[in-house]
């Protein structure tokens, strides 16, 4: 009721043509930020001469700061900045200081729409879910019950700004420096093609805690053993500092040649490594989205999230999922009861690699 009243109170109507300075807001988390690169590329195609700044949290900024469609990054210092009045006001002041003509917000939060309104940006385009986008004067209504892919929702907003349909895939171009660094590391480790990159972690980040997204380590090891043996491939396990036990659990179960690189690579290098691999295999996590957007052949192991909304938004990936009614599943998901087995996954992965 409150948001509906605010929507009627705050005026709509704006001309988004010919902006000089654009702020593009998708703050968190890495998977969502990577999926937003489709909209970023479309926005750049629509406004090739504009200066585009991406407002993003420090954790996610590292994944996209090198994107060629970005002119600048506005590091908002914290990943979830708008929960307190002081941080909301600080964020609004920083936006105002940017002298932006156009704000493009891919955030559903009513506090984000309020902050952008308070910043005095003339044209404010954003998602309006249940009236939460009251602060925007170019609103894209979102229906939470529709199973639309996040990237396609974002692209609809860019299409509304452009006045025509636009299309792009999620993308993270690989730098020559990252590619050279990875090739040198592979050479030093004595690893030659083919090799498989896998990440057992994910589901835990500054914006969400959904550890049930993780495919069980024993089953992941079973998948990796079968695929690596069939392809005569080495397995490289990736993980951050907090993934040590998880990576070790998978590693101990592997019967093929393998090694673990814990915290050894930055995001640019992970993208480059994945693109060099036979295939990248991971959960519904930011790193899997990053690998796919970097051009890797990617298998996403999906459990309590729907691929129609959250699969990689690329032309070459395999999203493995056992269809199930997902209402309330985040709290009750059980891989043994609700998920797919390694025996079910392996034939589909091998068929994907044979294409």
Protein backbone atom coordinates (compact mmCIF):
# COMPACT_ATOMS: atom_id res chain seq x y z
CA UNK A 1 0.00 0.00 0.00
CA UNK A 2 2.79 2.44 0.93
CA UNK A 3 4.76 1.79 -2.26
CA UNK A 4 1.64 2.13 -4.40
CA UNK A 5 0.96 5.52 -2.79
CA UNK A 6 4.56 6.61 -3.36
CA UNK A 7 4.38 5.48 -6.98
CA UNK A 8 1.36 7.71 -7.53
CA UNK A 9 2.99 10.61 -5.67
CA UNK A 10 6.35 10.64 -7.44
CA UNK A 11 6.04 11.78 -11.07
CA UNK A 12 6.99 9.71 -14.10
CA UNK A 13 8.14 10.88 -17.50
CA UNK A 14 11.66 11.62 -18.69
CA UNK A 15 13.65 11.94 -21.92
CA UNK A 16 16.66 9.58 -21.74
CA UNK A 17 18.13 10.65 -25.09
CA UNK A 18 21.74 11.85 -25.43
CA UNK A 19 23.04 11.58 -21.87
CA UNK A 20 26.65 12.67 -21.35
CA UNK A 21 27.26 10.98 -18.00
CA UNK A 22 25.57 7.73 -16.93
CA UNK A 23 25.71 5.90 -13.63
CA UNK A 24 24.93 2.18 -13.90
CA UNK A 25 23.94 0.63 -10.55
CA UNK A 26 24.14 -3.07 -9.76
CA UNK A 27 25.86 -3.32 -6.41
CA UNK A 28 26.01 -6.97 -5.49
CA UNK A 29 26.63 -9.86 -5.85
CA UNK A 30 29.19 -11.29 -8.28
CA UNK A 31 26.72 -13.51 -10.16
CA UNK A 32 24.19 -10.70 -10.49
CA UNK A 33 26.90 -8.23 -11.44
CA UNK A 34 28.23 -10.56 -14.16
CA UNK A 35 24.70 -11.12 -15.50
CA UNK A 36 24.36 -7.32 -15.66
CA UNK A 37 27.22 -7.08 -18.17
CA UNK A 38 24.72 -7.93 -20.90
CA UNK A 39 22.80 -4.75 -20.04
CA UNK A 40 26.06 -2.80 -19.74
CA UNK A 41 27.13 -3.81 -23.25
CA UNK A 42 23.70 -2.93 -24.63
CA UNK A 43 23.82 0.45 -22.87
CA UNK A 44 27.23 1.15 -24.39
CA UNK A 45 25.90 0.23 -27.85
CA UNK A 46 22.99 2.66 -27.39
CA UNK A 47 25.17 5.50 -26.08
CA UNK A 48 28.66 4.93 -27.54
CA UNK A 49 29.96 8.42 -26.63
CA UNK A 50 28.63 8.65 -23.07
CA UNK A 51 30.82 8.36 -19.97
CA UNK A 52 29.57 5.30 -18.02
CA UNK A 53 30.34 4.80 -14.33
CA UNK A 54 29.40 1.52 -12.64
CA UNK A 55 28.33 1.92 -8.99
CA UNK A 56 29.24 -1.37 -7.33
CA UNK A 57 30.38 -2.87 -4.04
CA UNK A 58 34.09 -3.55 -3.43
CA UNK A 59 33.76 -7.36 -3.49
CA UNK A 60 31.96 -7.41 -6.84
CA UNK A 61 33.95 -4.53 -8.36
CA UNK A 62 36.98 -6.77 -8.74
CA UNK A 63 35.05 -8.99 -11.17
CA UNK A 64 34.06 -6.25 -13.63
CA UNK A 65 36.39 -3.28 -13.15
CA UNK A 66 38.35 -4.18 -16.30
CA UNK A 67 35.29 -4.29 -18.57
CA UNK A 68 35.93 -2.17 -21.69
CA UNK A 69 32.41 -0.67 -21.64
CA UNK A 70 33.12 1.03 -18.29
CA UNK A 71 34.82 4.41 -18.08
CA UNK A 72 34.94 4.51 -14.27
CA UNK A 73 33.95 2.51 -11.18
CA UNK A 74 32.19 4.14 -8.25
CA UNK A 75 33.26 1.88 -5.37
CA UNK A 76 30.52 2.29 -2.80
CA UNK A 77 32.93 0.94 -0.13
CA UNK A 78 30.46 -1.58 1.33
CA UNK A 79 28.53 -4.27 -0.51
CA UNK A 80 25.12 -3.48 1.01
CA UNK A 81 25.28 0.28 1.53
CA UNK A 82 21.71 1.46 2.04
CA UNK A 83 20.48 -0.22 5.20
CA UNK A 84 21.24 2.76 7.45
CA UNK A 85 20.14 6.38 6.90
CA UNK A 86 23.75 7.63 7.14
CA UNK A 87 24.98 5.31 4.39
CA UNK A 88 21.96 6.12 2.21
CA UNK A 89 22.66 9.84 2.51
CA UNK A 90 26.37 9.33 1.84
CA UNK A 91 25.61 7.30 -1.28
CA UNK A 92 23.14 9.94 -2.53
CA UNK A 93 25.76 12.67 -2.03
CA UNK A 94 28.36 10.69 -3.98
CA UNK A 95 25.89 10.23 -6.83
CA UNK A 96 25.07 13.94 -6.82
CA UNK A 97 28.78 14.77 -7.01
CA UNK A 98 29.05 12.72 -10.20
CA UNK A 99 26.89 15.17 -12.17
CA UNK A 100 25.12 12.30 -13.93
CA UNK A 101 22.42 12.93 -16.54
CA UNK A 102 21.07 9.37 -16.45
CA UNK A 103 20.92 6.71 -13.73
CA UNK A 104 20.27 3.10 -14.72
CA UNK A 105 19.39 1.02 -11.67
CA UNK A 106 19.15 -2.77 -11.77
CA UNK A 107 18.40 -2.91 -8.04
CA UNK A 108 14.89 -3.67 -6.76
CA UNK A 109 15.40 -1.98 -3.39
CA UNK A 110 13.14 0.99 -2.57
CA UNK A 111 16.11 2.56 -0.79
CA UNK A 112 18.08 2.53 -4.04
CA UNK A 113 15.28 4.33 -5.88
CA UNK A 114 15.09 6.84 -3.02
CA UNK A 115 18.86 7.43 -3.04
CA UNK A 116 18.90 8.05 -6.78
CA UNK A 117 15.93 10.43 -6.44
CA UNK A 118 17.73 12.30 -3.63
CA UNK A 119 20.82 12.60 -5.84
CA UNK A 120 18.87 14.87 -8.19
CA UNK A 121 19.76 12.92 -11.33
CA UNK A 122 17.39 14.21 -14.07
CA UNK A 123 16.61 10.86 -15.74
CA UNK A 124 16.26 7.92 -13.38
CA UNK A 125 15.54 4.56 -15.02
CA UNK A 126 15.05 1.48 -12.87
CA UNK A 127 13.21 -1.70 -11.99
CA UNK A 128 9.86 -1.28 -10.28
CA UNK A 129 8.95 -4.42 -8.32
CA UNK A 130 5.73 -3.97 -6.36
CA UNK A 131 6.02 -0.18 -6.42
CA UNK A 132 9.55 -0.14 -4.95
CA UNK A 133 10.83 1.89 -7.89
CA UNK A 134 8.91 5.02 -6.91
CA UNK A 135 12.04 7.18 -7.11
CA UNK A 136 12.54 6.50 -10.82
CA UNK A 137 10.88 8.58 -13.52
CA UNK A 138 11.35 5.82 -16.11
CA UNK A 139 10.07 2.63 -14.49
CA UNK A 140 10.10 -0.94 -15.74
CA UNK A 141 7.37 -2.91 -13.93
CA UNK A 142 8.66 -6.27 -12.67
CA UNK A 143 6.39 -9.19 -11.84
CA UNK A 144 8.18 -11.38 -9.23
CA UNK A 145 6.11 -14.48 -10.04
CA UNK A 146 7.16 -14.54 -13.70
CA UNK A 147 10.13 -16.81 -14.39
CA UNK A 148 12.20 -14.39 -16.44
CA UNK A 149 15.97 -14.50 -16.63
CA UNK A 150 17.63 -11.71 -14.66
CA UNK A 151 19.71 -10.64 -17.66
CA UNK A 152 16.60 -10.40 -19.83
CA UNK A 153 14.89 -8.23 -17.22
CA UNK A 154 17.91 -5.93 -17.21
CA UNK A 155 17.91 -5.80 -21.02
CA UNK A 156 14.23 -4.82 -21.03
CA UNK A 157 15.15 -1.73 -19.04
CA UNK A 158 17.85 -0.78 -21.56
CA UNK A 159 15.34 -1.37 -24.36
CA UNK A 160 12.91 1.01 -22.63
CA UNK A 161 15.65 3.64 -22.40
CA UNK A 162 16.66 3.14 -26.04
CA UNK A 163 13.10 3.07 -27.38
CA UNK A 164 13.92 -0.15 -29.24
CA UNK A 165 14.75 -3.74 -28.46
CA UNK A 166 18.40 -4.35 -27.62
CA UNK A 167 20.21 -7.63 -27.07
CA UNK A 168 23.58 -8.76 -25.73
CA UNK A 169 25.08 -11.65 -23.77
CA UNK A 170 26.87 -11.47 -20.45
CA UNK A 171 30.53 -10.90 -21.23
CA UNK A 172 33.88 -10.34 -19.51
CA UNK A 173 36.61 -9.90 -22.12
CA UNK A 174 39.95 -11.46 -21.15
CA UNK A 175 43.04 -9.27 -21.07
CA UNK A 176 46.30 -10.42 -22.62
CA UNK A 177 48.00 -9.90 -19.26
CA UNK A 178 45.61 -12.31 -17.53
CA UNK A 179 45.94 -14.86 -20.32
CA UNK A 180 49.74 -14.68 -20.21
CA UNK A 181 49.79 -15.00 -16.42
CA UNK A 182 47.61 -18.10 -16.49
CA UNK A 183 49.59 -19.75 -19.28
CA UNK A 184 52.81 -19.16 -17.34
CA UNK A 185 51.28 -20.72 -14.22
CA UNK A 186 50.06 -23.75 -16.19
CA UNK A 187 53.49 -24.22 -17.73
CA UNK A 188 55.20 -23.99 -14.35
CA UNK A 189 52.83 -26.63 -12.94
CA UNK A 190 53.41 -28.90 -15.94
CA UNK A 191 49.76 -28.85 -16.96
CA UNK A 192 48.89 -29.27 -20.60
CA UNK A 193 45.54 -29.47 -22.31
CA UNK A 194 43.07 -30.90 -21.71
CA UNK A 195 42.27 -29.82 -18.18
CA UNK A 196 39.04 -29.26 -16.26
CA UNK A 197 38.51 -26.35 -13.86
CA UNK A 198 36.08 -26.89 -10.98
CA UNK A 199 34.96 -24.80 -8.03
CA UNK A 200 33.17 -26.68 -5.21
CA UNK A 201 32.23 -23.53 -3.30
CA UNK A 202 29.82 -20.65 -3.75
CA UNK A 203 26.50 -19.69 -2.24
CA UNK A 204 28.09 -17.59 0.51
CA UNK A 205 28.91 -13.93 -0.12
CA UNK A 206 28.29 -10.48 1.41
CA UNK A 207 24.75 -10.36 -0.03
CA UNK A 208 23.49 -13.91 0.52
CA UNK A 209 24.09 -17.09 2.50
CA UNK A 210 22.74 -20.07 0.55
CA UNK A 211 25.21 -22.91 1.12
CA UNK A 212 22.58 -25.38 -0.13
CA UNK A 213 23.57 -24.27 -3.66
CA UNK A 214 26.71 -26.39 -3.30
CA UNK A 215 26.66 -29.77 -5.02
CA UNK A 216 27.71 -32.47 -2.46
CA UNK A 217 31.51 -32.94 -2.51
CA UNK A 218 31.32 -36.72 -2.94
CA UNK A 219 29.06 -36.39 -5.95
CA UNK A 220 31.15 -33.60 -7.45
CA UNK A 221 34.27 -35.76 -7.12
CA UNK A 222 32.41 -38.63 -8.80
CA UNK A 223 31.46 -36.36 -11.71
CA UNK A 224 35.00 -35.05 -12.07
CA UNK A 225 36.53 -38.53 -11.94
CA UNK A 226 34.28 -39.82 -14.72
CA UNK A 227 34.64 -36.81 -17.02
CA UNK A 228 38.39 -36.39 -16.48
CA UNK A 229 39.06 -40.09 -17.04
CA UNK A 230 37.00 -40.12 -20.24
CA UNK A 231 38.80 -37.04 -21.56
CA UNK A 232 42.28 -37.88 -20.17
CA UNK A 233 42.17 -34.52 -18.41
CA UNK A 234 43.76 -33.02 -15.30
CA UNK A 235 41.45 -31.42 -12.72
CA UNK A 236 42.24 -27.98 -11.27
CA UNK A 237 40.22 -27.15 -8.16
CA UNK A 238 39.70 -23.48 -7.33
CA UNK A 239 38.61 -21.86 -4.10
CA UNK A 240 39.04 -18.92 -1.80
CA UNK A 241 40.50 -18.91 1.67
CA UNK A 242 37.23 -20.07 3.20
CA UNK A 243 36.93 -23.01 0.81
CA UNK A 244 39.98 -24.95 2.03
CA UNK A 245 38.06 -27.74 3.80
CA UNK A 246 35.59 -28.07 0.94
CA UNK A 247 38.30 -28.22 -1.72
CA UNK A 248 40.27 -30.71 0.36
CA UNK A 249 37.18 -32.91 0.71
CA UNK A 250 36.75 -33.07 -3.07
CA UNK A 251 40.49 -33.44 -3.69
CA UNK A 252 40.80 -36.49 -1.40
CA UNK A 253 38.10 -38.27 -3.41
CA UNK A 254 39.67 -37.69 -6.82
CA UNK A 255 41.37 -40.65 -8.51
CA UNK A 256 42.58 -38.64 -11.52
CA UNK A 257 45.49 -36.23 -11.64
CA UNK A 258 44.53 -33.03 -9.85
CA UNK A 259 45.83 -29.99 -8.04
CA UNK A 260 44.28 -27.23 -5.95
CA UNK A 261 44.81 -23.50 -6.39
CA UNK A 262 43.38 -21.89 -3.27
CA UNK A 263 43.33 -18.10 -3.43
CA UNK A 264 46.02 -18.19 -6.11
CA UNK A 265 44.22 -16.28 -8.88
CA UNK A 266 42.38 -13.00 -9.16
CA UNK A 267 39.05 -12.78 -10.98
CA UNK A 268 40.63 -11.82 -14.29
CA UNK A 269 42.95 -14.83 -14.12
CA UNK A 270 40.09 -17.16 -13.17
CA UNK A 271 38.23 -16.05 -16.29
CA UNK A 272 41.33 -16.61 -18.42
CA UNK A 273 41.96 -20.05 -16.90
CA UNK A 274 38.36 -21.12 -17.43
CA UNK A 275 38.47 -19.99 -21.05
CA UNK A 276 41.57 -22.16 -21.63
CA UNK A 277 39.97 -25.24 -20.03
CA UNK A 278 38.13 -28.12 -21.64
CA UNK A 279 35.21 -27.18 -19.38
CA UNK A 280 34.49 -25.27 -16.18
CA UNK A 281 32.22 -27.08 -13.68
CA UNK A 282 30.74 -25.25 -10.73
CA UNK A 283 27.66 -24.47 -8.68
CA UNK A 284 25.24 -21.58 -9.10
CA UNK A 285 27.84 -19.09 -7.95
CA UNK A 286 29.48 -15.88 -9.02
CA UNK A 287 32.59 -17.70 -10.25
CA UNK A 288 30.55 -19.94 -12.55
CA UNK A 289 28.84 -16.90 -14.06
CA UNK A 290 32.26 -15.26 -14.39
CA UNK A 291 33.70 -18.32 -16.17
CA UNK A 292 30.81 -18.47 -18.62
CA UNK A 293 30.97 -14.75 -19.37
CA UNK A 294 34.71 -15.10 -20.00
CA UNK A 295 33.98 -17.50 -22.86
CA UNK A 296 34.46 -20.83 -21.10
CA UNK A 297 32.43 -23.90 -21.88
CA UNK A 298 30.55 -24.02 -18.59
CA UNK A 299 28.50 -26.54 -16.63
CA UNK A 300 26.43 -25.04 -13.81
CA UNK A 301 25.20 -27.52 -11.19
CA UNK A 302 21.91 -26.03 -10.03
CA UNK A 303 19.88 -27.02 -7.00
CA UNK A 304 17.49 -24.66 -5.18
CA UNK A 305 17.65 -21.98 -7.89
CA UNK A 306 15.82 -21.94 -11.19
CA UNK A 307 17.91 -21.90 -14.41
CA UNK A 308 15.15 -19.99 -16.13
CA UNK A 309 16.17 -17.09 -13.92
CA UNK A 310 19.76 -17.70 -12.92
CA UNK A 311 21.59 -19.87 -15.47
CA UNK A 312 24.59 -18.26 -17.21
CA UNK A 313 23.41 -15.79 -19.83
CA UNK A 314 25.76 -16.98 -22.57
CA UNK A 315 25.51 -18.94 -25.80
CA UNK A 316 27.61 -21.90 -24.64
CA UNK A 317 26.73 -23.45 -21.30
CA UNK A 318 24.93 -26.39 -19.73
CA UNK A 319 22.68 -25.79 -16.72
CA UNK A 320 22.02 -29.10 -14.94
CA UNK A 321 18.85 -29.02 -12.87
CA UNK A 322 16.16 -31.39 -11.73
CA UNK A 323 12.83 -29.58 -12.14
CA UNK A 324 11.09 -29.19 -8.81
CA UNK A 325 8.62 -26.82 -7.22
CA UNK A 326 10.95 -24.27 -5.64
CA UNK A 327 8.60 -22.35 -3.35
CA UNK A 328 10.29 -22.35 0.03
CA UNK A 329 13.05 -24.66 -1.23
CA UNK A 330 15.89 -22.43 -0.02
CA UNK A 331 15.24 -23.51 3.55
CA UNK A 332 14.42 -27.16 2.91
CA UNK A 333 16.49 -28.16 -0.12
CA UNK A 334 18.00 -31.62 0.11
CA UNK A 335 20.32 -32.80 -2.67
CA UNK A 336 19.66 -36.49 -1.99
CA UNK A 337 15.90 -35.99 -2.24
CA UNK A 338 15.54 -33.07 -4.65
CA UNK A 339 18.72 -32.99 -6.75
CA UNK A 340 20.31 -34.98 -9.55
CA UNK A 341 22.89 -37.71 -9.03
CA UNK A 342 26.37 -37.98 -10.51
CA UNK A 343 25.12 -40.87 -12.67
CA UNK A 344 22.51 -38.52 -14.12
CA UNK A 345 24.94 -35.63 -14.58
CA UNK A 346 27.84 -37.39 -16.30
CA UNK A 347 26.06 -38.48 -19.53
CA UNK A 348 24.67 -34.98 -20.02
CA UNK A 349 28.08 -33.39 -19.50
CA UNK A 350 29.72 -35.82 -21.92
CA UNK A 351 27.04 -35.12 -24.52
CA UNK A 352 27.61 -31.39 -24.04
CA UNK A 353 31.37 -31.77 -24.54
CA UNK A 354 30.81 -33.86 -27.66
CA UNK A 355 28.83 -31.10 -29.36
